[in-house]
């Protein structure tokens, strides 16, 4: 067991008749040892307290470190989830845009075909109309050029014939 300051203070030495130590010198030395020993014990106590606080801080910091490490892992996982979800969402958006683009192109092609068919139909109708109109004009021209007109103009109706037709 270690000496305490009280043990040092209460220590008494036996006396020797011959060649004994000077009692005042021994007491003074013991007093100095007592003070130094008390200082060492006090410093040792402070160091132990400080060591205990440091250990508590180390435990606390280790706990913080573990929490931070866990938080970093969770943040990395969340970032990875966000990245994956963003990639999936962007792929869906691209697919939807491609589908819409295909639909729009197909509708435009379909409408272009319809318009082309309408244009072809109008061309056919125009040809038929032109042909019929030409036939009508040619028929009218034939009527105008007919000899009947010339005969009609050459025929003279006298007044006698008019009077006769009135009587008759």
N, C-alpha and C. Protein backbone atom coordinates (compact mmCIF):
# COMPACT_ATOMS: atom_id res chain seq x y z
N UNK A 1 0.83 -1.15 0.00
CA UNK A 1 0.00 0.00 0.00
C UNK A 1 0.90 1.24 0.00
N UNK A 2 0.46 2.29 -0.74
CA UNK A 2 1.26 3.51 -0.88
C UNK A 2 1.15 4.35 0.38
N UNK A 3 2.19 5.13 0.62
CA UNK A 3 2.20 6.02 1.77
C UNK A 3 1.28 7.19 1.52
N UNK A 4 0.65 7.63 2.58
CA UNK A 4 -0.17 8.82 2.49
C UNK A 4 0.61 9.95 3.15
N UNK A 5 0.23 11.20 2.92
CA UNK A 5 0.94 12.31 3.57
C UNK A 5 0.88 12.21 5.09
N UNK A 6 -0.21 11.66 5.64
CA UNK A 6 -0.33 11.52 7.10
C UNK A 6 0.69 10.50 7.60
N UNK A 7 0.89 9.42 6.81
CA UNK A 7 1.89 8.42 7.20
C UNK A 7 3.27 9.05 7.29
N UNK A 8 3.57 9.90 6.32
CA UNK A 8 4.88 10.56 6.34
C UNK A 8 4.97 11.51 7.53
N UNK A 9 3.89 12.25 7.79
CA UNK A 9 3.88 13.22 8.87
C UNK A 9 4.03 12.52 10.24
N UNK A 10 3.39 11.40 10.42
CA UNK A 10 3.38 10.72 11.71
C UNK A 10 4.56 9.76 11.88
N UNK A 11 5.38 9.66 10.88
CA UNK A 11 6.50 8.71 10.98
C UNK A 11 7.48 9.19 12.04
N UNK A 12 7.81 8.30 12.91
CA UNK A 12 8.80 8.61 13.94
C UNK A 12 9.92 7.60 13.81
N UNK A 13 11.09 8.11 14.01
CA UNK A 13 12.29 7.27 13.89
C UNK A 13 12.82 6.96 15.30
N UNK A 14 13.33 5.81 15.44
CA UNK A 14 13.93 5.45 16.73
C UNK A 14 15.25 6.20 16.93
N UNK A 15 15.65 6.34 18.15
CA UNK A 15 16.85 7.09 18.43
C UNK A 15 17.99 6.12 18.65
N UNK A 16 19.05 6.58 18.12
CA UNK A 16 20.26 5.79 18.28
C UNK A 16 21.21 6.61 19.13
N UNK A 17 21.88 5.99 19.95
CA UNK A 17 22.74 6.71 20.87
C UNK A 17 23.98 7.22 20.16
N UNK A 18 24.39 6.47 19.30
CA UNK A 18 25.59 6.89 18.61
C UNK A 18 25.25 7.21 17.18
N UNK A 19 25.84 8.12 16.74
CA UNK A 19 25.73 8.54 15.34
C UNK A 19 24.29 8.63 14.85
N UNK A 20 23.45 9.16 15.53
CA UNK A 20 22.07 9.36 15.11
C UNK A 20 21.95 10.59 14.21
N UNK A 21 20.85 10.70 13.53
CA UNK A 21 20.61 11.84 12.64
C UNK A 21 20.14 13.02 13.47
N UNK A 22 20.36 14.23 12.91
CA UNK A 22 19.91 15.43 13.58
C UNK A 22 18.40 15.49 13.42
N UNK A 23 17.73 15.57 14.55
CA UNK A 23 16.27 15.50 14.56
C UNK A 23 15.67 16.66 13.78
N UNK A 24 16.20 17.87 13.90
CA UNK A 24 15.65 19.01 13.17
C UNK A 24 15.81 18.84 11.66
N UNK A 25 16.96 18.35 11.24
CA UNK A 25 17.18 18.13 9.81
C UNK A 25 16.22 17.07 9.27
N UNK A 26 16.03 16.02 10.05
CA UNK A 26 15.11 14.94 9.61
C UNK A 26 13.70 15.49 9.53
N UNK A 27 13.28 16.26 10.58
CA UNK A 27 11.92 16.82 10.57
C UNK A 27 11.74 17.80 9.42
N UNK A 28 12.73 18.60 9.18
CA UNK A 28 12.64 19.54 8.06
C UNK A 28 12.56 18.80 6.73
N UNK A 29 13.37 17.78 6.58
CA UNK A 29 13.35 16.98 5.34
C UNK A 29 12.00 16.28 5.18
N UNK A 30 11.48 15.72 6.27
CA UNK A 30 10.18 15.05 6.22
C UNK A 30 9.08 16.05 5.85
N UNK A 31 9.20 17.27 6.40
CA UNK A 31 8.21 18.30 6.07
C UNK A 31 8.26 18.61 4.58
N UNK A 32 9.45 18.71 4.03
CA UNK A 32 9.61 18.96 2.60
C UNK A 32 9.07 17.79 1.78
N UNK A 33 9.39 16.57 2.19
CA UNK A 33 8.89 15.37 1.49
C UNK A 33 7.37 15.35 1.56
N UNK A 34 6.82 15.72 2.75
CA UNK A 34 5.37 15.75 2.93
C UNK A 34 4.73 16.72 1.94
N UNK A 35 5.25 17.94 1.82
CA UNK A 35 4.69 18.92 0.89
C UNK A 35 4.81 18.43 -0.55
N UNK A 36 5.97 17.95 -0.89
CA UNK A 36 6.17 17.47 -2.27
C UNK A 36 5.26 16.28 -2.58
N UNK A 37 5.12 15.40 -1.60
CA UNK A 37 4.26 14.22 -1.80
C UNK A 37 2.81 14.66 -1.94
N UNK A 38 2.36 15.63 -1.12
CA UNK A 38 1.00 16.15 -1.24
C UNK A 38 0.80 16.78 -2.63
N UNK A 39 1.82 17.53 -3.08
CA UNK A 39 1.74 18.14 -4.42
C UNK A 39 1.65 17.06 -5.51
N UNK A 40 2.46 16.04 -5.36
CA UNK A 40 2.45 14.94 -6.34
C UNK A 40 1.09 14.25 -6.32
N UNK A 41 0.55 14.00 -5.12
CA UNK A 41 -0.75 13.33 -5.04
C UNK A 41 -1.84 14.22 -5.64
N UNK A 42 -1.78 15.55 -5.32
CA UNK A 42 -2.78 16.48 -5.88
C UNK A 42 -2.66 16.51 -7.41
N UNK A 43 -1.42 16.59 -7.89
CA UNK A 43 -1.23 16.61 -9.36
C UNK A 43 -1.68 15.29 -9.96
N UNK A 44 -1.41 14.19 -9.28
CA UNK A 44 -1.84 12.87 -9.76
C UNK A 44 -3.37 12.82 -9.83
N UNK A 45 -4.04 13.39 -8.78
CA UNK A 45 -5.51 13.41 -8.77
C UNK A 45 -6.02 14.25 -9.93
N UNK A 46 -5.40 15.43 -10.14
CA UNK A 46 -5.82 16.28 -11.26
C UNK A 46 -5.61 15.55 -12.59
N UNK A 47 -4.48 14.90 -12.73
CA UNK A 47 -4.19 14.17 -13.97
C UNK A 47 -5.19 13.02 -14.18
N UNK A 48 -5.55 12.35 -13.11
CA UNK A 48 -6.54 11.27 -13.23
C UNK A 48 -7.89 11.84 -13.65
N UNK A 49 -8.27 12.99 -12.99
CA UNK A 49 -9.53 13.63 -13.37
C UNK A 49 -9.50 14.06 -14.84
N UNK A 50 -8.36 14.67 -15.21
CA UNK A 50 -8.21 15.12 -16.59
C UNK A 50 -8.25 13.93 -17.55
N UNK A 51 -7.60 12.84 -17.15
CA UNK A 51 -7.60 11.63 -17.97
C UNK A 51 -9.02 11.08 -18.10
N UNK A 52 -9.76 11.12 -17.01
CA UNK A 52 -11.15 10.63 -17.05
C UNK A 52 -11.99 11.51 -17.97
N UNK A 53 -11.82 12.83 -17.86
CA UNK A 53 -12.54 13.73 -18.77
C UNK A 53 -12.14 13.49 -20.22
N UNK A 54 -10.84 13.29 -20.42
CA UNK A 54 -10.36 13.03 -21.78
C UNK A 54 -10.95 11.73 -22.31
N UNK A 55 -11.02 10.71 -21.46
CA UNK A 55 -11.62 9.43 -21.87
C UNK A 55 -13.08 9.65 -22.25
N UNK A 56 -13.80 10.44 -21.40
CA UNK A 56 -15.20 10.72 -21.70
C UNK A 56 -15.33 11.47 -23.02
N UNK A 57 -14.42 12.43 -23.24
CA UNK A 57 -14.45 13.17 -24.50
C UNK A 57 -14.16 12.25 -25.68
N UNK A 58 -13.19 11.35 -25.50
CA UNK A 58 -12.86 10.40 -26.56
C UNK A 58 -14.07 9.53 -26.87
N UNK A 59 -14.75 9.06 -25.83
CA UNK A 59 -15.96 8.26 -26.04
C UNK A 59 -17.01 9.10 -26.76
N UNK A 60 -17.16 10.36 -26.31
CA UNK A 60 -18.14 11.26 -26.95
C UNK A 60 -17.76 11.51 -28.41
N UNK A 61 -16.48 11.80 -28.65
CA UNK A 61 -16.04 12.05 -30.02
C UNK A 61 -16.13 10.79 -30.89
N UNK A 62 -15.86 9.65 -30.29
CA UNK A 62 -16.02 8.39 -31.04
C UNK A 62 -17.49 8.19 -31.41
N UNK A 63 -18.36 8.54 -30.48
CA UNK A 63 -19.80 8.44 -30.76
C UNK A 63 -20.18 9.41 -31.88
N UNK A 64 -19.66 10.63 -31.80
CA UNK A 64 -19.93 11.62 -32.86
C UNK A 64 -19.37 11.12 -34.19
N UNK A 65 -18.16 10.57 -34.13
CA UNK A 65 -17.54 10.05 -35.36
C UNK A 65 -18.40 8.94 -35.97
N UNK A 66 -18.87 8.04 -35.11
CA UNK A 66 -19.72 6.95 -35.61
C UNK A 66 -21.01 7.51 -36.20
N UNK A 67 -21.59 8.50 -35.52
CA UNK A 67 -22.81 9.13 -36.03
C UNK A 67 -22.56 9.82 -37.35
N UNK A 68 -21.44 10.56 -37.43
CA UNK A 68 -21.09 11.23 -38.68
C UNK A 68 -20.85 10.23 -39.80
N UNK A 69 -20.15 9.17 -39.47
CA UNK A 69 -19.88 8.12 -40.47
C UNK A 69 -21.21 7.54 -40.97
N UNK A 70 -22.09 7.25 -40.02
CA UNK A 70 -23.41 6.72 -40.39
C UNK A 70 -24.18 7.74 -41.22
N UNK A 71 -24.11 9.01 -40.81
CA UNK A 71 -24.81 10.07 -41.56
C UNK A 71 -24.25 10.21 -42.97
N UNK A 72 -22.94 10.11 -43.08
CA UNK A 72 -22.31 10.20 -44.41
C UNK A 72 -22.78 9.03 -45.28
N UNK A 73 -22.81 7.84 -44.71
CA UNK A 73 -23.27 6.68 -45.48
C UNK A 73 -24.72 6.85 -45.91
N UNK A 74 -25.55 7.34 -44.97
CA UNK A 74 -26.97 7.56 -45.31
C UNK A 74 -27.09 8.63 -46.40
N UNK A 75 -26.29 9.71 -46.27
CA UNK A 75 -26.32 10.77 -47.27
C UNK A 75 -25.85 10.25 -48.63
N UNK A 76 -24.81 9.40 -48.63
CA UNK A 76 -24.33 8.82 -49.88
C UNK A 76 -25.40 7.92 -50.50
N UNK A 77 -26.06 7.12 -49.66
CA UNK A 77 -27.12 6.25 -50.16
C UNK A 77 -28.28 7.09 -50.71
N UNK A 78 -28.63 8.16 -49.98
CA UNK A 78 -29.72 9.03 -50.45
C UNK A 78 -29.34 9.69 -51.76
N UNK A 79 -28.10 10.15 -51.86
CA UNK A 79 -27.63 10.78 -53.11
C UNK A 79 -27.67 9.76 -54.25
N UNK A 80 -27.26 8.55 -53.96
CA UNK A 80 -27.30 7.49 -54.99
C UNK A 80 -28.75 7.20 -55.39
N UNK A 81 -29.65 7.17 -54.40
CA UNK A 81 -31.07 6.95 -54.71
C UNK A 81 -31.61 8.09 -55.57
N UNK A 82 -31.26 9.32 -55.21
CA UNK A 82 -31.70 10.47 -55.99
C UNK A 82 -31.15 10.38 -57.41
N UNK A 83 -29.88 10.01 -57.54
CA UNK A 83 -29.27 9.88 -58.86
C UNK A 83 -29.97 8.80 -59.67
N UNK A 84 -30.21 7.64 -59.04
CA UNK A 84 -30.90 6.54 -59.75
C UNK A 84 -32.30 6.97 -60.15
N UNK A 85 -33.03 7.59 -59.21
CA UNK A 85 -34.39 8.04 -59.53
C UNK A 85 -34.39 9.09 -60.63
N UNK A 86 -33.40 9.99 -60.59
CA UNK A 86 -33.30 11.01 -61.63
C UNK A 86 -33.04 10.37 -62.98
N UNK A 87 -32.16 9.37 -62.99
CA UNK A 87 -31.87 8.67 -64.24
C UNK A 87 -33.12 7.97 -64.76
N UNK A 88 -33.85 7.29 -63.87
CA UNK A 88 -35.08 6.61 -64.29
C UNK A 88 -36.09 7.62 -64.81
N UNK A 89 -36.23 8.73 -64.08
CA UNK A 89 -37.20 9.74 -64.48
C UNK A 89 -36.81 10.35 -65.83
N UNK A 90 -35.51 10.62 -66.01
CA UNK A 90 -35.08 11.19 -67.29
C UNK A 90 -35.30 10.20 -68.42
N UNK A 91 -35.07 8.91 -68.15
CA UNK A 91 -35.32 7.90 -69.19
C UNK A 91 -36.81 7.85 -69.52
N UNK A 92 -37.65 7.93 -68.49
CA UNK A 92 -39.10 7.94 -68.74
C UNK A 92 -39.51 9.17 -69.55
N UNK A 93 -38.93 10.31 -69.20
CA UNK A 93 -39.24 11.54 -69.93
C UNK A 93 -38.81 11.41 -71.39
N UNK A 94 -37.60 10.86 -71.59
CA UNK A 94 -37.11 10.68 -72.96
C UNK A 94 -38.01 9.72 -73.73
N UNK A 95 -38.39 8.60 -73.09
CA UNK A 95 -39.28 7.64 -73.76
C UNK A 95 -40.61 8.27 -74.10
N UNK A 96 -41.16 9.04 -73.15
CA UNK A 96 -42.44 9.71 -73.38
C UNK A 96 -42.30 10.72 -74.52
N UNK A 97 -41.20 11.46 -74.52
CA UNK A 97 -40.97 12.44 -75.59
C UNK A 97 -40.82 11.74 -76.94
N UNK A 98 -40.10 10.61 -76.95
CA UNK A 98 -39.95 9.85 -78.20
C UNK A 98 -41.30 9.33 -78.67
N UNK A 99 -42.10 8.84 -77.70
CA UNK A 99 -43.43 8.33 -78.06
C UNK A 99 -44.28 9.46 -78.62
N UNK A 100 -44.26 10.62 -77.96
CA UNK A 100 -45.02 11.77 -78.45
C UNK A 100 -44.51 12.21 -79.82
N UNK A 101 -43.19 12.21 -79.99
CA UNK A 101 -42.62 12.60 -81.27
C UNK A 101 -43.07 11.63 -82.36
N UNK A 102 -43.02 10.31 -82.06
CA UNK A 102 -43.48 9.32 -83.02
C UNK A 102 -44.96 9.53 -83.35
N UNK A 103 -45.75 9.80 -82.33
CA UNK A 103 -47.19 10.02 -82.55
C UNK A 103 -47.40 11.25 -83.43
N UNK A 104 -46.68 12.33 -83.12
CA UNK A 104 -46.82 13.56 -83.89
C UNK A 104 -46.39 13.34 -85.34
N UNK A 105 -45.25 12.65 -85.51
CA UNK A 105 -44.77 12.37 -86.87
C UNK A 105 -45.77 11.49 -87.61
N UNK A 106 -46.29 10.47 -86.93
CA UNK A 106 -47.27 9.59 -87.58
C UNK A 106 -48.54 10.35 -87.94
N UNK A 107 -49.00 11.22 -87.03
CA UNK A 107 -50.18 12.03 -87.33
C UNK A 107 -49.90 12.96 -88.51
N UNK A 108 -48.71 13.55 -88.53
CA UNK A 108 -48.35 14.46 -89.63
C UNK A 108 -48.28 13.69 -90.95
N UNK A 109 -47.69 12.49 -90.92
CA UNK A 109 -47.62 11.67 -92.13
C UNK A 109 -49.02 11.29 -92.59
N UNK A 110 -49.85 10.91 -91.64
CA UNK A 110 -51.22 10.54 -91.97
C UNK A 110 -51.95 11.73 -92.57
N UNK A 111 -51.80 12.90 -91.96
CA UNK A 111 -52.46 14.10 -92.47
C UNK A 111 -51.90 14.46 -93.84
N UNK A 112 -50.58 14.30 -94.02
CA UNK A 112 -49.97 14.58 -95.33
C UNK A 112 -50.53 13.65 -96.39
N UNK A 113 -50.72 12.37 -96.03
CA UNK A 113 -51.32 11.41 -96.98
C UNK A 113 -52.74 11.83 -97.33
N UNK A 114 -53.51 12.22 -96.28
CA UNK A 114 -54.88 12.66 -96.52
C UNK A 114 -54.90 13.87 -97.45
N UNK A 115 -54.02 14.84 -97.18
CA UNK A 115 -53.96 16.05 -98.01
C UNK A 115 -53.55 15.68 -99.43
N UNK A 116 -52.57 14.80 -99.55
CA UNK A 116 -52.13 14.36 -100.86
C UNK A 116 -53.27 13.69 -101.62
N UNK A 117 -54.04 12.86 -100.91
CA UNK A 117 -55.18 12.20 -101.54
C UNK A 117 -56.23 13.25 -101.93
N UNK A 118 -56.45 14.24 -101.07
CA UNK A 118 -57.40 15.30 -101.39
C UNK A 118 -56.93 16.09 -102.61
N UNK A 119 -55.63 16.38 -102.68
CA UNK A 119 -55.07 17.11 -103.82
C UNK A 119 -55.25 16.29 -105.10
N UNK A 120 -54.95 14.98 -105.01
CA UNK A 120 -55.15 14.10 -106.18
C UNK A 120 -56.61 14.09 -106.59
N UNK A 121 -57.51 14.01 -105.62
CA UNK A 121 -58.96 14.01 -105.91
C UNK A 121 -59.36 15.32 -106.56
N UNK A 122 -58.84 16.44 -106.02
CA UNK A 122 -59.15 17.75 -106.61
C UNK A 122 -58.60 17.85 -108.03
N UNK A 123 -57.42 17.30 -108.26
CA UNK A 123 -56.86 17.30 -109.61
C UNK A 123 -57.77 16.52 -110.56
N UNK A 124 -58.24 15.34 -110.10
CA UNK A 124 -59.14 14.53 -110.93
C UNK A 124 -60.43 15.30 -111.20
N UNK A 125 -60.98 15.90 -110.14
CA UNK A 125 -62.22 16.67 -110.31
C UNK A 125 -61.98 17.84 -111.27
N UNK A 126 -60.81 18.48 -111.14
CA UNK A 126 -60.47 19.59 -112.02
C UNK A 126 -60.39 19.13 -113.47
N UNK A 127 -59.77 17.97 -113.70
CA UNK A 127 -59.68 17.42 -115.06
C UNK A 127 -61.07 17.12 -115.61
N UNK A 128 -61.91 16.50 -114.75
CA UNK A 128 -63.28 16.17 -115.18
C UNK A 128 -64.03 17.46 -115.49
N UNK A 129 -63.92 18.46 -114.60
CA UNK A 129 -64.61 19.74 -114.81
C UNK A 129 -64.12 20.38 -116.10
N UNK A 130 -62.81 20.40 -116.29
CA UNK A 130 -62.23 21.01 -117.50
C UNK A 130 -62.72 20.31 -118.74
N UNK A 131 -62.71 18.98 -118.66
CA UNK A 131 -63.17 18.20 -119.81
C UNK A 131 -64.63 18.49 -120.11
N UNK A 132 -65.46 18.51 -119.09
CA UNK A 132 -66.89 18.78 -119.29
C UNK A 132 -67.12 20.21 -119.78
N UNK A 133 -66.36 21.15 -119.16
CA UNK A 133 -66.49 22.55 -119.55
C UNK A 133 -66.07 22.73 -121.01
N UNK A 134 -64.99 22.04 -121.39
CA UNK A 134 -64.51 22.09 -122.79
C UNK A 134 -65.57 21.53 -123.72
N UNK A 135 -66.18 20.40 -123.29
CA UNK A 135 -67.22 19.78 -124.12
C UNK A 135 -68.41 20.73 -124.25
N UNK A 136 -68.77 21.38 -123.15
CA UNK A 136 -69.88 22.32 -123.18
C UNK A 136 -69.58 23.48 -124.12
N UNK A 137 -68.37 24.05 -123.99
CA UNK A 137 -68.00 25.17 -124.86
C UNK A 137 -67.95 24.73 -126.32
N UNK A 138 -67.39 23.53 -126.54
CA UNK A 138 -67.33 23.03 -127.91
C UNK A 138 -68.74 22.82 -128.45
N UNK A 139 -69.66 22.30 -127.61
CA UNK A 139 -71.05 22.11 -128.04
C UNK A 139 -71.68 23.45 -128.35
N UNK A 140 -71.44 24.46 -127.51
CA UNK A 140 -71.98 25.78 -127.75
C UNK A 140 -71.40 26.38 -129.03
N UNK A 141 -70.07 26.16 -129.22
CA UNK A 141 -69.41 26.65 -130.42
C UNK A 141 -69.99 25.97 -131.66
N UNK A 142 -70.23 24.67 -131.54
CA UNK A 142 -70.84 23.94 -132.66
C UNK A 142 -72.22 24.51 -132.97
N UNK A 143 -72.96 24.86 -131.93
CA UNK A 143 -74.28 25.45 -132.14
C UNK A 143 -74.17 26.78 -132.87
N UNK A 144 -73.18 27.57 -132.43
CA UNK A 144 -73.00 28.88 -133.04
C UNK A 144 -72.56 28.74 -134.50
N UNK A 145 -71.73 27.76 -134.76
CA UNK A 145 -71.19 27.59 -136.10
C UNK A 145 -72.14 26.79 -137.00
N UNK A 146 -73.24 26.35 -136.50
CA UNK A 146 -74.16 25.53 -137.30
C UNK A 146 -74.75 26.37 -138.44
N UNK A 147 -75.07 25.71 -139.51
CA UNK A 147 -75.62 26.34 -140.70
C UNK A 147 -77.02 26.86 -140.43
N UNK A 148 -77.65 26.40 -139.43
CA UNK A 148 -79.01 26.83 -139.12
C UNK A 148 -79.06 28.33 -138.91
N UNK A 149 -78.04 28.88 -138.31
CA UNK A 149 -77.99 30.32 -138.05
C UNK A 149 -77.94 31.08 -139.38
N UNK A 150 -77.12 30.57 -140.28
CA UNK A 150 -76.99 31.22 -141.58
C UNK A 150 -78.33 31.15 -142.32
N UNK A 151 -78.98 30.01 -142.28
CA UNK A 151 -80.26 29.86 -142.95
C UNK A 151 -81.30 30.76 -142.33
N UNK A 152 -81.24 30.87 -141.05
CA UNK A 152 -82.19 31.70 -140.35
C UNK A 152 -82.05 33.16 -140.79
N UNK A 153 -80.81 33.58 -140.91
CA UNK A 153 -80.56 34.96 -141.32
C UNK A 153 -80.91 35.18 -142.79
N UNK A 154 -80.81 34.17 -143.61
CA UNK A 154 -81.08 34.28 -145.04
C UNK A 154 -82.57 34.24 -145.32
N UNK A 155 -83.31 33.69 -144.48
CA UNK A 155 -84.74 33.56 -144.70
C UNK A 155 -85.37 34.93 -144.50
N UNK A 156 -86.21 35.26 -145.49
CA UNK A 156 -86.90 36.52 -145.38
C UNK A 156 -88.36 36.23 -145.22
N UNK A 157 -88.87 36.89 -144.32
CA UNK A 157 -90.30 36.73 -144.11
C UNK A 157 -90.92 38.04 -144.59
N UNK A 158 -91.74 37.92 -145.45
CA UNK A 158 -92.40 39.11 -145.99
C UNK A 158 -93.56 39.50 -145.11
N UNK A 159 -94.03 40.66 -145.37
CA UNK A 159 -95.16 41.15 -144.63
C UNK A 159 -96.40 40.36 -144.97
N UNK A 160 -96.47 39.84 -146.12
CA UNK A 160 -97.62 39.04 -146.52
C UNK A 160 -97.71 37.81 -145.66
N UNK A 161 -96.64 37.24 -145.42
CA UNK A 161 -96.64 36.00 -144.63
C UNK A 161 -97.05 36.31 -143.21
N UNK A 162 -96.66 37.47 -142.74
CA UNK A 162 -97.01 37.82 -141.37
C UNK A 162 -98.50 38.08 -141.30
N UNK A 163 -99.04 38.78 -142.32
CA UNK A 163 -100.48 39.06 -142.30
C UNK A 163 -101.26 37.78 -142.46
N UNK A 164 -100.79 36.91 -143.27
CA UNK A 164 -101.46 35.64 -143.50
C UNK A 164 -101.48 34.83 -142.21
N UNK A 165 -100.36 34.84 -141.52
CA UNK A 165 -100.30 34.06 -140.30
C UNK A 165 -101.17 34.67 -139.25
N UNK A 166 -101.49 35.98 -139.38
CA UNK A 166 -102.36 36.61 -138.42
C UNK A 166 -103.80 36.21 -138.72
N UNK A 167 -104.16 36.04 -139.94
CA UNK A 167 -105.54 35.72 -140.31
C UNK A 167 -105.80 34.27 -140.06
N UNK A 168 -104.96 33.55 -140.31
CA UNK A 168 -105.13 32.12 -140.35
C UNK A 168 -105.20 31.43 -139.12
